[in-house]
Amino acid sequence: MFRAVRLIIAAVILVAGCAPGGALGGAMNPSADKPTITKAQALARIEQLINETVSVIQPKPQLELYQPSLNDGLCLDPLDGGSKDRIVVSRSYFLRGLPTAKKALKEVVAEVKAYWQKQGHYIAVEHENGLQLYGHSRPDDFLITISLAADDVLSLGATSTCLWPNGTPEPSSTP
């Protein structure tokens, strides 16, 4: 089960690195290391995205937090050309209590896709199996995902863009 979850997280990071809007390099983007939202604001937005998505799923699933998602991630490929010293925050949840038949799970993913599109979110990748969907929230470009985890359980997650934990650039760790 944990192998599948690790694969999902790796896919999330991969898709985040391929997000739209990364045409400006650091030298050309003077706002790259300007203040960002704070970690607390990002977490509030993530929970909003998760809870609003879950509200359209029938039957309503029970959210089970995927504990490793509590760890902050590194800003590995900043699309704005800014500092790699920033972080990304995310949360992932298993959606418990849903039917486990593939057909029923595909219907849930289709419901989520329709909802995200109605909200104006951008769908970046839709896997041909109908059980994986990767998108970006609008207007803030957070990565949003729903995909099949182990044991025929769906996983729903969201990841922020690169940010400074306190919202402002930290002193540089390099001389």
C-alpha atoms as a PDB file:
ATOM      1  CA  MET A   1       0.000   0.000   0.000  1.00  0.00           C
ATOM      2  CA  PHE A   2       2.738   2.470   0.905  1.00  0.00           C
ATOM      3  CA  ARG A   3       4.531   1.846  -2.388  1.00  0.00           C
ATOM      4  CA  ALA A   4       1.467   3.027  -4.280  1.00  0.00           C
ATOM      5  CA  VAL A   5       1.190   6.107  -2.088  1.00  0.00           C
ATOM      6  CA  ARG A   6       4.860   6.918  -2.700  1.00  0.00           C
ATOM      7  CA  LEU A   7       4.225   6.628  -6.424  1.00  0.00           C
ATOM      8  CA  ILE A   8       1.293   9.010  -6.113  1.00  0.00           C
ATOM      9  CA  ILE A   9       3.399  11.551  -4.239  1.00  0.00           C
ATOM     10  CA  ALA A  10       6.178  11.239  -6.834  1.00  0.00           C
ATOM     11  CA  ALA A  11       3.605  11.857  -9.561  1.00  0.00           C
ATOM     12  CA  VAL A  12       2.311  14.914  -7.699  1.00  0.00           C
ATOM     13  CA  ILE A  13       5.818  16.353  -7.496  1.00  0.00           C
ATOM     14  CA  LEU A  14       6.430  15.581 -11.171  1.00  0.00           C
ATOM     15  CA  VAL A  15       3.215  17.259 -12.274  1.00  0.00           C
ATOM     16  CA  ALA A  16       3.924  20.251 -10.020  1.00  0.00           C
ATOM     17  CA  GLY A  17       7.227  20.729 -11.824  1.00  0.00           C
ATOM     18  CA  CYS A  18       5.384  20.774 -15.148  1.00  0.00           C
ATOM     19  CA  ALA A  19       2.767  23.319 -14.120  1.00  0.00           C
ATOM     20  CA  PRO A  20       1.771  26.013 -16.585  1.00  0.00           C
ATOM     21  CA  GLY A  21       3.059  29.549 -16.206  1.00  0.00           C
ATOM     22  CA  GLY A  22       6.752  28.918 -15.719  1.00  0.00           C
ATOM     23  CA  ALA A  23       8.050  30.913 -18.666  1.00  0.00           C
ATOM     24  CA  LEU A  24       9.862  33.582 -16.661  1.00  0.00           C
ATOM     25  CA  GLY A  25      13.354  32.931 -15.358  1.00  0.00           C
ATOM     26  CA  GLY A  26      14.730  34.421 -12.156  1.00  0.00           C
ATOM     27  CA  ALA A  27      16.849  37.063 -13.876  1.00  0.00           C
ATOM     28  CA  MET A  28      13.882  38.175 -15.954  1.00  0.00           C
ATOM     29  CA  ASN A  29      11.353  38.049 -13.113  1.00  0.00           C
ATOM     30  CA  PRO A  30      12.111  40.720 -10.528  1.00  0.00           C
ATOM     31  CA  SER A  31       9.186  39.581  -8.339  1.00  0.00           C
ATOM     32  CA  ALA A  32      10.489  36.003  -7.977  1.00  0.00           C
ATOM     33  CA  ASP A  33      11.695  36.442  -4.397  1.00  0.00           C
ATOM     34  CA  LYS A  34       9.011  38.835  -3.238  1.00  0.00           C
ATOM     35  CA  PRO A  35       6.689  37.992  -0.357  1.00  0.00           C
ATOM     36  CA  THR A  36       4.345  35.033  -0.757  1.00  0.00           C
ATOM     37  CA  ILE A  37       1.378  33.744   1.142  1.00  0.00           C
ATOM     38  CA  THR A  38       2.319  32.202   4.475  1.00  0.00           C
ATOM     39  CA  LYS A  39       2.372  28.511   5.284  1.00  0.00           C
ATOM     40  CA  ALA A  40      -0.765  28.982   7.411  1.00  0.00           C
ATOM     41  CA  GLN A  41      -2.575  30.674   4.515  1.00  0.00           C
ATOM     42  CA  ALA A  42      -1.497  27.899   2.140  1.00  0.00           C
ATOM     43  CA  LEU A  43      -2.753  25.210   4.526  1.00  0.00           C
ATOM     44  CA  ALA A  44      -6.081  27.006   4.886  1.00  0.00           C
ATOM     45  CA  ARG A  45      -6.433  27.134   1.090  1.00  0.00           C
ATOM     46  CA  ILE A  46      -5.493  23.450   0.783  1.00  0.00           C
ATOM     47  CA  GLU A  47      -8.125  22.457   3.330  1.00  0.00           C
ATOM     48  CA  GLN A  48     -10.669  24.624   1.505  1.00  0.00           C
ATOM     49  CA  LEU A  49      -9.881  22.910  -1.813  1.00  0.00           C
ATOM     50  CA  ILE A  50     -10.092  19.452  -0.200  1.00  0.00           C
ATOM     51  CA  ASN A  51     -13.297  20.109   1.738  1.00  0.00           C
ATOM     52  CA  GLU A  52     -15.091  21.761  -1.177  1.00  0.00           C
ATOM     53  CA  THR A  53     -14.140  18.848  -3.447  1.00  0.00           C
ATOM     54  CA  VAL A  54     -15.291  16.256  -0.906  1.00  0.00           C
ATOM     55  CA  SER A  55     -18.627  18.063  -0.551  1.00  0.00           C
ATOM     56  CA  VAL A  56     -19.616  17.047  -4.109  1.00  0.00           C
ATOM     57  CA  ILE A  57     -18.709  13.367  -3.752  1.00  0.00           C
ATOM     58  CA  GLN A  58     -21.580  10.956  -3.157  1.00  0.00           C
ATOM     59  CA  PRO A  59     -21.658   9.037  -0.930  1.00  0.00           C
ATOM     60  CA  LYS A  60     -19.705  11.421   1.252  1.00  0.00           C
ATOM     61  CA  PRO A  61     -16.343   9.809   2.064  1.00  0.00           C
ATOM     62  CA  GLN A  62     -14.520   9.876   5.361  1.00  0.00           C
ATOM     63  CA  LEU A  63     -11.162  11.665   5.149  1.00  0.00           C
ATOM     64  CA  GLU A  64      -8.147   9.789   6.496  1.00  0.00           C
ATOM     65  CA  LEU A  65      -5.025  11.951   6.597  1.00  0.00           C
ATOM     66  CA  TYR A  66      -1.975  10.487   4.902  1.00  0.00           C
ATOM     67  CA  GLN A  67       0.558  11.260   7.654  1.00  0.00           C
ATOM     68  CA  PRO A  68       3.651  11.806   5.434  1.00  0.00           C
ATOM     69  CA  SER A  69       1.821  14.703   3.777  1.00  0.00           C
ATOM     70  CA  LEU A  70       2.307  16.652   7.015  1.00  0.00           C
ATOM     71  CA  ASN A  71       5.972  17.165   6.082  1.00  0.00           C
ATOM     72  CA  ASP A  72       6.865  20.292   4.146  1.00  0.00           C
ATOM     73  CA  GLY A  73       8.477  19.756   0.765  1.00  0.00           C
ATOM     74  CA  LEU A  74      11.338  21.494  -0.947  1.00  0.00           C
ATOM     75  CA  CYS A  75      10.696  23.988  -3.717  1.00  0.00           C
ATOM     76  CA  LEU A  76      12.614  21.845  -6.210  1.00  0.00           C
ATOM     77  CA  ASP A  77      11.711  23.521  -9.496  1.00  0.00           C
ATOM     78  CA  PRO A  78      10.424  27.032  -8.865  1.00  0.00           C
ATOM     79  CA  LEU A  79       8.434  28.021 -11.923  1.00  0.00           C
ATOM     80  CA  ASP A  80       8.766  31.707 -11.126  1.00  0.00           C
ATOM     81  CA  GLY A  81      12.568  31.573 -11.159  1.00  0.00           C
ATOM     82  CA  GLY A  82      12.662  32.360  -7.450  1.00  0.00           C
ATOM     83  CA  SER A  83      14.638  30.858  -4.620  1.00  0.00           C
ATOM     84  CA  LYS A  84      14.858  27.132  -4.029  1.00  0.00           C
ATOM     85  CA  ASP A  85      15.052  27.980  -0.322  1.00  0.00           C
ATOM     86  CA  ARG A  86      11.253  28.218  -0.249  1.00  0.00           C
ATOM     87  CA  ILE A  87       8.952  25.317   0.575  1.00  0.00           C
ATOM     88  CA  VAL A  88       5.742  23.736  -0.658  1.00  0.00           C
ATOM     89  CA  VAL A  89       3.082  22.426   1.685  1.00  0.00           C
ATOM     90  CA  SER A  90       0.572  19.735   0.931  1.00  0.00           C
ATOM     91  CA  ARG A  91      -2.066  17.507   2.392  1.00  0.00           C
ATOM     92  CA  SER A  92      -3.289  14.175   1.099  1.00  0.00           C
ATOM     93  CA  TYR A  93      -6.225  12.158   2.300  1.00  0.00           C
ATOM     94  CA  PHE A  94      -7.544   8.685   1.627  1.00  0.00           C
ATOM     95  CA  LEU A  95     -11.254   8.790   0.804  1.00  0.00           C
ATOM     96  CA  ARG A  96     -12.676   5.989   2.960  1.00  0.00           C
ATOM     97  CA  GLY A  97     -16.174   4.604   2.777  1.00  0.00           C
ATOM     98  CA  LEU A  98     -16.609   4.754  -0.993  1.00  0.00           C
ATOM     99  CA  PRO A  99     -17.558   1.707  -3.049  1.00  0.00           C
ATOM    100  CA  THR A 100     -14.384  -0.055  -4.218  1.00  0.00           C
ATOM    101  CA  ALA A 101     -15.611  -1.204  -7.629  1.00  0.00           C
ATOM    102  CA  LYS A 102     -13.551   0.445 -10.381  1.00  0.00           C
ATOM    103  CA  LYS A 103     -16.689   1.656 -12.161  1.00  0.00           C
ATOM    104  CA  ALA A 104     -17.918   3.429  -9.019  1.00  0.00           C
ATOM    105  CA  LEU A 105     -14.495   4.978  -8.405  1.00  0.00           C
ATOM    106  CA  LYS A 106     -14.355   6.231 -12.010  1.00  0.00           C
ATOM    107  CA  GLU A 107     -17.719   7.899 -11.435  1.00  0.00           C
ATOM    108  CA  VAL A 108     -16.306   9.678  -8.363  1.00  0.00           C
ATOM    109  CA  VAL A 109     -13.297  10.911 -10.352  1.00  0.00           C
ATOM    110  CA  ALA A 110     -15.669  12.116 -13.088  1.00  0.00           C
ATOM    111  CA  GLU A 111     -17.724  13.994 -10.455  1.00  0.00           C
ATOM    112  CA  VAL A 112     -14.562  15.629  -9.156  1.00  0.00           C
ATOM    113  CA  LYS A 113     -13.432  16.569 -12.673  1.00  0.00           C
ATOM    114  CA  ALA A 114     -16.809  18.185 -13.443  1.00  0.00           C
ATOM    115  CA  TYR A 115     -16.692  20.092 -10.163  1.00  0.00           C
ATOM    116  CA  TRP A 116     -13.119  21.312 -10.695  1.00  0.00           C
ATOM    117  CA  GLN A 117     -13.962  22.477 -14.210  1.00  0.00           C
ATOM    118  CA  LYS A 118     -17.072  24.264 -12.916  1.00  0.00           C
ATOM    119  CA  GLN A 119     -14.836  26.067 -10.414  1.00  0.00           C
ATOM    120  CA  GLY A 120     -12.550  27.186 -13.261  1.00  0.00           C
ATOM    121  CA  HIS A 121      -9.639  24.962 -12.272  1.00  0.00           C
ATOM    122  CA  TYR A 122      -7.293  23.782 -14.998  1.00  0.00           C
ATOM    123  CA  ILE A 123      -7.179  20.014 -15.674  1.00  0.00           C
ATOM    124  CA  ALA A 124      -3.560  19.222 -16.558  1.00  0.00           C
ATOM    125  CA  VAL A 125      -3.586  15.420 -16.809  1.00  0.00           C
ATOM    126  CA  GLU A 126      -6.379  12.897 -16.985  1.00  0.00           C
ATOM    127  CA  HIS A 127      -5.178   9.314 -17.056  1.00  0.00           C
ATOM    128  CA  GLU A 128      -6.816   7.066 -19.621  1.00  0.00           C
ATOM    129  CA  ASN A 129      -7.876   4.630 -16.879  1.00  0.00           C
ATOM    130  CA  GLY A 130     -10.273   7.271 -15.527  1.00  0.00           C
ATOM    131  CA  LEU A 131      -8.837   6.917 -12.020  1.00  0.00           C
ATOM    132  CA  GLN A 132      -6.196   9.665 -11.963  1.00  0.00           C
ATOM    133  CA  LEU A 133      -6.707  13.376 -12.397  1.00  0.00           C
ATOM    134  CA  TYR A 134      -4.223  16.193 -11.907  1.00  0.00           C
ATOM    135  CA  GLY A 135      -5.139  19.844 -12.063  1.00  0.00           C
ATOM    136  CA  HIS A 136      -4.294  23.340 -10.903  1.00  0.00           C
ATOM    137  CA  SER A 137      -6.591  25.501  -8.831  1.00  0.00           C
ATOM    138  CA  ARG A 138      -7.509  28.932 -10.025  1.00  0.00           C
ATOM    139  CA  PRO A 139      -6.519  31.617  -9.364  1.00  0.00           C
ATOM    140  CA  ASP A 140      -3.669  30.431  -7.116  1.00  0.00           C
ATOM    141  CA  ASP A 141      -2.263  27.495  -9.145  1.00  0.00           C
ATOM    142  CA  PHE A 142      -2.151  24.921  -6.338  1.00  0.00           C
ATOM    143  CA  LEU A 143      -1.731  21.360  -7.597  1.00  0.00           C
ATOM    144  CA  ILE A 144      -4.890  19.313  -6.982  1.00  0.00           C
ATOM    145  CA  THR A 145      -5.030  15.562  -7.472  1.00  0.00           C
ATOM    146  CA  ILE A 146      -7.316  12.609  -7.136  1.00  0.00           C
ATOM    147  CA  SER A 147      -6.006   9.147  -7.888  1.00  0.00           C
ATOM    148  CA  LEU A 148      -6.315   5.491  -7.064  1.00  0.00           C
ATOM    149  CA  ALA A 149      -4.166   4.368  -4.158  1.00  0.00           C
ATOM    150  CA  ALA A 150      -3.694   0.817  -2.940  1.00  0.00           C
ATOM    151  CA  ASP A 151      -6.619  -1.385  -1.917  1.00  0.00           C
ATOM    152  CA  ASP A 152      -8.999   0.368  -4.338  1.00  0.00           C
ATOM    153  CA  VAL A 153      -9.128   3.566  -2.283  1.00  0.00           C
ATOM    154  CA  LEU A 154      -9.014   7.023  -3.812  1.00  0.00           C
ATOM    155  CA  SER A 155      -6.544   9.619  -2.586  1.00  0.00           C
ATOM    156  CA  LEU A 156      -7.268  13.354  -2.761  1.00  0.00           C
ATOM    157  CA  GLY A 157      -4.555  15.934  -2.280  1.00  0.00           C
ATOM    158  CA  ALA A 158      -3.432  19.500  -2.834  1.00  0.00           C
ATOM    159  CA  THR A 159       0.015  21.107  -2.903  1.00  0.00           C
ATOM    160  CA  SER A 160       0.868  24.794  -2.701  1.00  0.00           C
ATOM    161  CA  THR A 161       3.084  26.776  -4.976  1.00  0.00           C
ATOM    162  CA  CYS A 162       6.542  27.683  -3.626  1.00  0.00           C
ATOM    163  CA  LEU A 163       6.303  29.951  -0.599  1.00  0.00           C
ATOM    164  CA  TRP A 164       8.219  31.438   2.278  1.00  0.00           C
ATOM    165  CA  PRO A 165       6.947  29.904   5.553  1.00  0.00           C
ATOM    166  CA  ASN A 166       6.360  33.338   7.071  1.00  0.00           C
ATOM    167  CA  GLY A 167       5.473  34.999   3.784  1.00  0.00           C
ATOM    168  CA  THR A 168       8.695  36.960   3.399  1.00  0.00           C
ATOM    169  CA  PRO A 169      12.118  35.932   2.065  1.00  0.00           C
ATOM    170  CA  GLU A 170      14.341  34.298   4.629  1.00  0.00           C
ATOM    171  CA  PRO A 171      17.986  35.329   5.017  1.00  0.00           C
ATOM    172  CA  SER A 172      20.032  33.444   2.444  1.00  0.00           C
ATOM    173  CA  SER A 173      21.749  30.286   3.649  1.00  0.00           C
ATOM    174  CA  THR A 174      24.515  30.757   1.064  1.00  0.00           C
ATOM    175  CA  PRO A 175      27.250  33.401   1.448  1.00  0.00           C
END
